[in-house]
Amino acid sequence: MSQPPPPSERGAEIGRRIGVGLMYGLWKPRVLGAWKVPASGPVIFAVNHSHNIDGPMVMGVAPRPTHFLIKQEAFIGPLDPFLTGIGQLKVDRTTADRTAIGRALGVLEQGGVLGIFPEGTRGEGDFASLRAGLAYFAVRGGAPIVPVAVLGSADRPGRLVKALPPLRSRVDVVFGDPFEAGDGSGRRTRKALDEATERIQKRLTAHLENARRLTGRWATLE
């Protein structure tokens, strides 16, 4: 069976430009550590997920175009061709989606940037519960992981839409140091991936704590 084609790099760049306009137009992003993102080669962004704008925000402020794995439920109506056109990946979270897995690996094989919400769904955004998918892609794709913390405004009363920061509020995006998930052995067994997931969780949690310290957001999970 042939591998499905990877998403369009050109589409992802168009998506990045759209993200720049929207994110800087609606909010006030403050970006820290973007220089840490490798300028070339495969990279995985591991992003915490507490706001609906996390993906678009990272797309708009990242120094490289990003292909996010996004739940298929988001691909409805006109959003389906739009998200596909800007290089985003539809994934069925209820099963082992081989098409999505193949296309995601294709991004890494071509030296692109794959964006993943390792918690699997929007929640507290504290990396408390990670799925094994991130470790699989990192080990199988031979890609370093760059932790990304998106920290929104604590001014909850000003929100017009649930799970979105107030318009024109500051949103911090903090990129961390890239790291390898594997132990250097190249093993892809279940045990190896479980061990990699534990290592990843420690690194992501440490990055989130450091990001809160840098941005002064200790008083809130956002």
Protein backbone atom coordinates (compact mmCIF):
# COMPACT_ATOMS: atom_id res chain seq x y z
CA MET A 1 0.00 0.00 0.00
CA SER A 2 1.44 3.37 -1.04
CA GLN A 3 1.95 6.12 1.49
CA PRO A 4 -0.54 9.02 1.30
CA PRO A 5 1.01 12.28 0.10
CA PRO A 6 2.12 14.72 2.81
CA PRO A 7 0.21 18.00 3.10
CA SER A 8 1.28 21.03 1.12
CA GLU A 9 4.24 22.99 2.51
CA ARG A 10 3.12 25.97 0.45
CA GLY A 11 -0.35 25.66 1.96
CA ALA A 12 1.11 25.66 5.46
CA GLU A 13 3.05 28.83 4.66
CA ILE A 14 -0.17 30.48 3.48
CA GLY A 15 -1.78 29.31 6.73
CA ARG A 16 1.10 30.86 8.69
CA ARG A 17 0.55 34.22 6.98
CA ILE A 18 -3.18 34.07 7.66
CA GLY A 19 -2.41 33.20 11.27
CA VAL A 20 -0.09 36.19 11.58
CA GLY A 21 -2.84 38.56 10.44
CA LEU A 22 -5.56 37.05 12.61
CA MET A 23 -3.59 36.52 15.81
CA TYR A 24 -1.90 39.92 15.81
CA GLY A 25 -5.16 41.55 14.77
CA LEU A 26 -7.32 40.00 17.49
CA TRP A 27 -4.84 39.56 20.34
CA LYS A 28 -1.41 40.77 21.44
CA PRO A 29 0.98 37.84 21.11
CA ARG A 30 4.29 37.96 22.95
CA VAL A 31 6.70 35.37 21.59
CA LEU A 32 9.67 34.08 23.58
CA GLY A 33 12.33 31.61 22.47
CA ALA A 34 11.40 31.36 18.78
CA TRP A 35 15.13 31.39 17.98
CA LYS A 36 15.39 27.95 19.59
CA VAL A 37 13.38 26.33 16.79
CA PRO A 38 15.77 24.53 14.38
CA ALA A 39 15.90 26.46 11.11
CA SER A 40 15.66 23.31 9.01
CA GLY A 41 14.99 19.60 9.27
CA PRO A 42 12.11 17.72 10.87
CA VAL A 43 10.70 19.18 14.08
CA ILE A 44 7.72 18.39 16.29
CA PHE A 45 5.97 21.18 18.21
CA ALA A 46 4.42 19.76 21.39
CA VAL A 47 1.81 22.35 22.38
CA ASN A 48 -0.28 22.55 25.55
CA HIS A 49 -3.98 22.95 24.82
CA SER A 50 -6.33 25.09 26.89
CA HIS A 51 -7.71 27.55 24.28
CA ASN A 52 -9.32 27.06 20.89
CA ILE A 53 -6.80 29.55 19.49
CA ASP A 54 -3.71 27.52 20.52
CA GLY A 55 -3.19 25.98 17.09
CA PRO A 56 -3.80 29.13 15.03
CA MET A 57 -1.70 31.14 17.49
CA VAL A 58 1.32 28.85 17.13
CA MET A 59 0.85 28.75 13.35
CA GLY A 60 0.89 32.54 13.28
CA VAL A 61 3.91 33.17 15.51
CA ALA A 62 6.16 30.19 14.74
CA PRO A 63 9.22 30.91 12.57
CA ARG A 64 8.38 27.98 10.28
CA PRO A 65 5.13 26.81 8.63
CA THR A 66 3.43 24.14 10.75
CA HIS A 67 1.21 21.16 9.94
CA PHE A 68 -1.04 20.41 12.92
CA LEU A 69 -2.82 17.14 13.60
CA ILE A 70 -6.40 18.32 14.17
CA LYS A 71 -9.44 16.27 15.19
CA GLN A 72 -11.66 15.43 12.24
CA GLU A 73 -14.66 17.01 13.99
CA ALA A 74 -13.15 20.42 13.22
CA PHE A 75 -13.26 19.73 9.46
CA ILE A 76 -16.90 20.68 8.95
CA GLY A 77 -18.51 22.63 6.13
CA PRO A 78 -16.21 25.21 4.52
CA LEU A 79 -13.55 24.58 7.19
CA ASP A 80 -12.77 21.21 5.62
CA PRO A 81 -11.29 22.48 2.33
CA PHE A 82 -9.79 25.51 4.11
CA LEU A 83 -7.89 23.52 6.75
CA THR A 84 -6.81 20.98 4.16
CA GLY A 85 -5.70 23.76 1.83
CA ILE A 86 -3.45 25.33 4.46
CA GLY A 87 -1.70 22.03 5.08
CA GLN A 88 -3.41 20.81 8.24
CA LEU A 89 -3.97 17.12 8.98
CA LYS A 90 -7.35 15.56 9.74
CA VAL A 91 -7.16 12.76 12.32
CA ASP A 92 -9.79 10.35 13.62
CA ARG A 93 -9.10 10.14 17.37
CA THR A 94 -11.31 7.08 17.86
CA THR A 95 -9.03 4.71 15.98
CA ALA A 96 -5.48 4.23 14.71
CA ASP A 97 -5.88 6.56 11.74
CA ARG A 98 -3.30 5.12 9.32
CA THR A 99 -3.90 7.83 6.74
CA ALA A 100 -3.22 10.61 9.23
CA ILE A 101 -0.21 8.76 10.64
CA GLY A 102 1.24 8.28 7.17
CA ARG A 103 0.76 11.91 6.22
CA ALA A 104 2.23 13.12 9.51
CA LEU A 105 5.31 10.95 9.03
CA GLY A 106 5.51 12.32 5.49
CA VAL A 107 5.80 15.84 6.91
CA LEU A 108 8.78 14.77 9.02
CA GLU A 109 10.38 12.79 6.19
CA GLN A 110 10.33 15.93 4.06
CA GLY A 111 11.95 17.95 6.85
CA GLY A 112 8.80 19.82 7.88
CA VAL A 113 7.26 20.87 11.17
CA LEU A 114 4.53 18.73 12.72
CA GLY A 115 2.33 20.28 15.42
CA ILE A 116 0.80 18.00 18.06
CA PHE A 117 -1.38 18.56 21.12
CA PRO A 118 0.01 15.65 23.17
CA GLU A 119 -2.82 15.85 25.72
CA GLY A 120 -5.15 14.77 22.92
CA THR A 121 -7.87 17.31 23.62
CA ARG A 122 -8.44 20.77 25.06
CA GLY A 123 -8.23 20.77 28.84
CA GLU A 124 -6.19 22.36 31.61
CA GLY A 125 -3.23 22.77 29.30
CA ASP A 126 -0.76 21.51 31.90
CA PHE A 127 0.63 18.42 30.09
CA ALA A 128 -0.69 16.27 32.97
CA SER A 129 -1.94 13.48 30.70
CA LEU A 130 0.02 12.59 27.58
CA ARG A 131 -0.82 10.10 24.88
CA ALA A 132 1.83 7.87 23.32
CA GLY A 133 1.37 9.37 19.84
CA LEU A 134 3.93 12.11 20.41
CA ALA A 135 6.62 9.60 21.40
CA TYR A 136 5.79 7.44 18.37
CA PHE A 137 6.17 10.30 15.90
CA ALA A 138 9.34 11.58 17.55
CA VAL A 139 11.05 8.18 17.60
CA ARG A 140 9.75 6.93 14.25
CA GLY A 141 10.30 10.26 12.48
CA GLY A 142 13.69 10.94 14.04
CA ALA A 143 12.57 14.46 14.93
CA PRO A 144 13.49 16.59 17.94
CA ILE A 145 10.62 17.87 20.05
CA VAL A 146 10.26 21.59 20.73
CA PRO A 147 7.94 22.22 23.71
CA VAL A 148 5.57 25.14 23.20
CA ALA A 149 3.58 26.78 26.01
CA VAL A 150 0.63 28.98 25.07
CA LEU A 151 -0.41 31.06 28.06
CA GLY A 152 -3.52 33.23 27.72
CA SER A 153 -4.86 36.15 29.69
CA ALA A 154 -6.16 35.55 33.20
CA ASP A 155 -8.84 38.19 32.69
CA ARG A 156 -11.69 35.71 32.43
CA PRO A 157 -14.59 38.19 32.83
CA GLY A 158 -13.68 39.91 29.58
CA ARG A 159 -14.18 36.87 27.42
CA LEU A 160 -16.81 37.08 24.72
CA VAL A 161 -16.48 33.44 23.69
CA LYS A 162 -15.95 30.54 26.07
CA ALA A 163 -12.40 29.10 26.01
CA LEU A 164 -11.02 32.16 24.20
CA PRO A 165 -8.90 34.92 25.76
CA PRO A 166 -10.45 38.41 25.76
CA LEU A 167 -9.89 40.26 22.50
CA ARG A 168 -6.74 42.40 22.43
CA SER A 169 -5.42 40.68 25.57
CA ARG A 170 -1.84 39.47 25.77
CA VAL A 171 -1.16 35.85 24.87
CA ASP A 172 2.31 34.48 25.54
CA VAL A 173 3.86 31.79 23.36
CA VAL A 174 7.05 30.33 24.77
CA PHE A 175 9.23 27.98 22.70
CA GLY A 176 11.58 25.69 24.61
CA ASP A 177 14.84 23.92 23.88
CA PRO A 178 14.58 21.05 21.38
CA PHE A 179 15.23 17.57 22.76
CA GLU A 180 15.27 13.96 21.57
CA ALA A 181 12.56 11.67 22.90
CA GLY A 182 14.33 8.36 22.37
CA ASP A 183 17.10 6.83 24.44
CA GLY A 184 19.45 6.55 21.48
CA SER A 185 18.77 2.84 20.92
CA GLY A 186 16.28 3.35 18.11
CA ARG A 187 13.85 0.93 19.79
CA ARG A 188 10.16 1.30 18.92
CA THR A 189 8.70 -1.29 21.27
CA ARG A 190 5.74 -0.50 23.50
CA LYS A 191 8.07 -0.35 26.52
CA ALA A 192 10.45 2.01 24.71
CA LEU A 193 7.58 4.31 23.72
CA ASP A 194 6.18 4.27 27.27
CA GLU A 195 9.60 5.23 28.62
CA ALA A 196 9.90 7.96 25.98
CA THR A 197 6.47 9.29 26.95
CA GLU A 198 7.60 9.57 30.57
CA ARG A 199 10.72 11.47 29.54
CA ILE A 200 8.68 13.74 27.30
CA GLN A 201 6.17 14.51 30.04
CA LYS A 202 8.92 15.55 32.44
CA ARG A 203 10.48 17.84 29.85
CA LEU A 204 7.16 19.40 28.83
CA THR A 205 6.08 19.95 32.43
CA ALA A 206 9.42 21.56 33.26
CA HIS A 207 9.10 23.81 30.21
CA LEU A 208 5.60 24.88 31.22
CA GLU A 209 6.80 25.78 34.72
CA ASN A 210 9.68 27.77 33.25
CA ALA A 211 7.32 29.51 30.82
CA ARG A 212 5.04 30.56 33.68
CA ARG A 213 8.06 31.89 35.54
CA LEU A 214 9.26 33.86 32.52
CA THR A 215 5.86 35.36 31.81
CA GLY A 216 4.74 35.90 35.39
CA ARG A 217 1.68 33.67 35.02
CA TRP A 218 2.14 31.55 38.13
CA ALA A 219 -1.30 32.50 39.46
CA THR A 220 -3.19 30.80 36.62
CA LEU A 221 -3.04 27.65 34.55
CA GLU A 222 -3.39 29.84 31.49
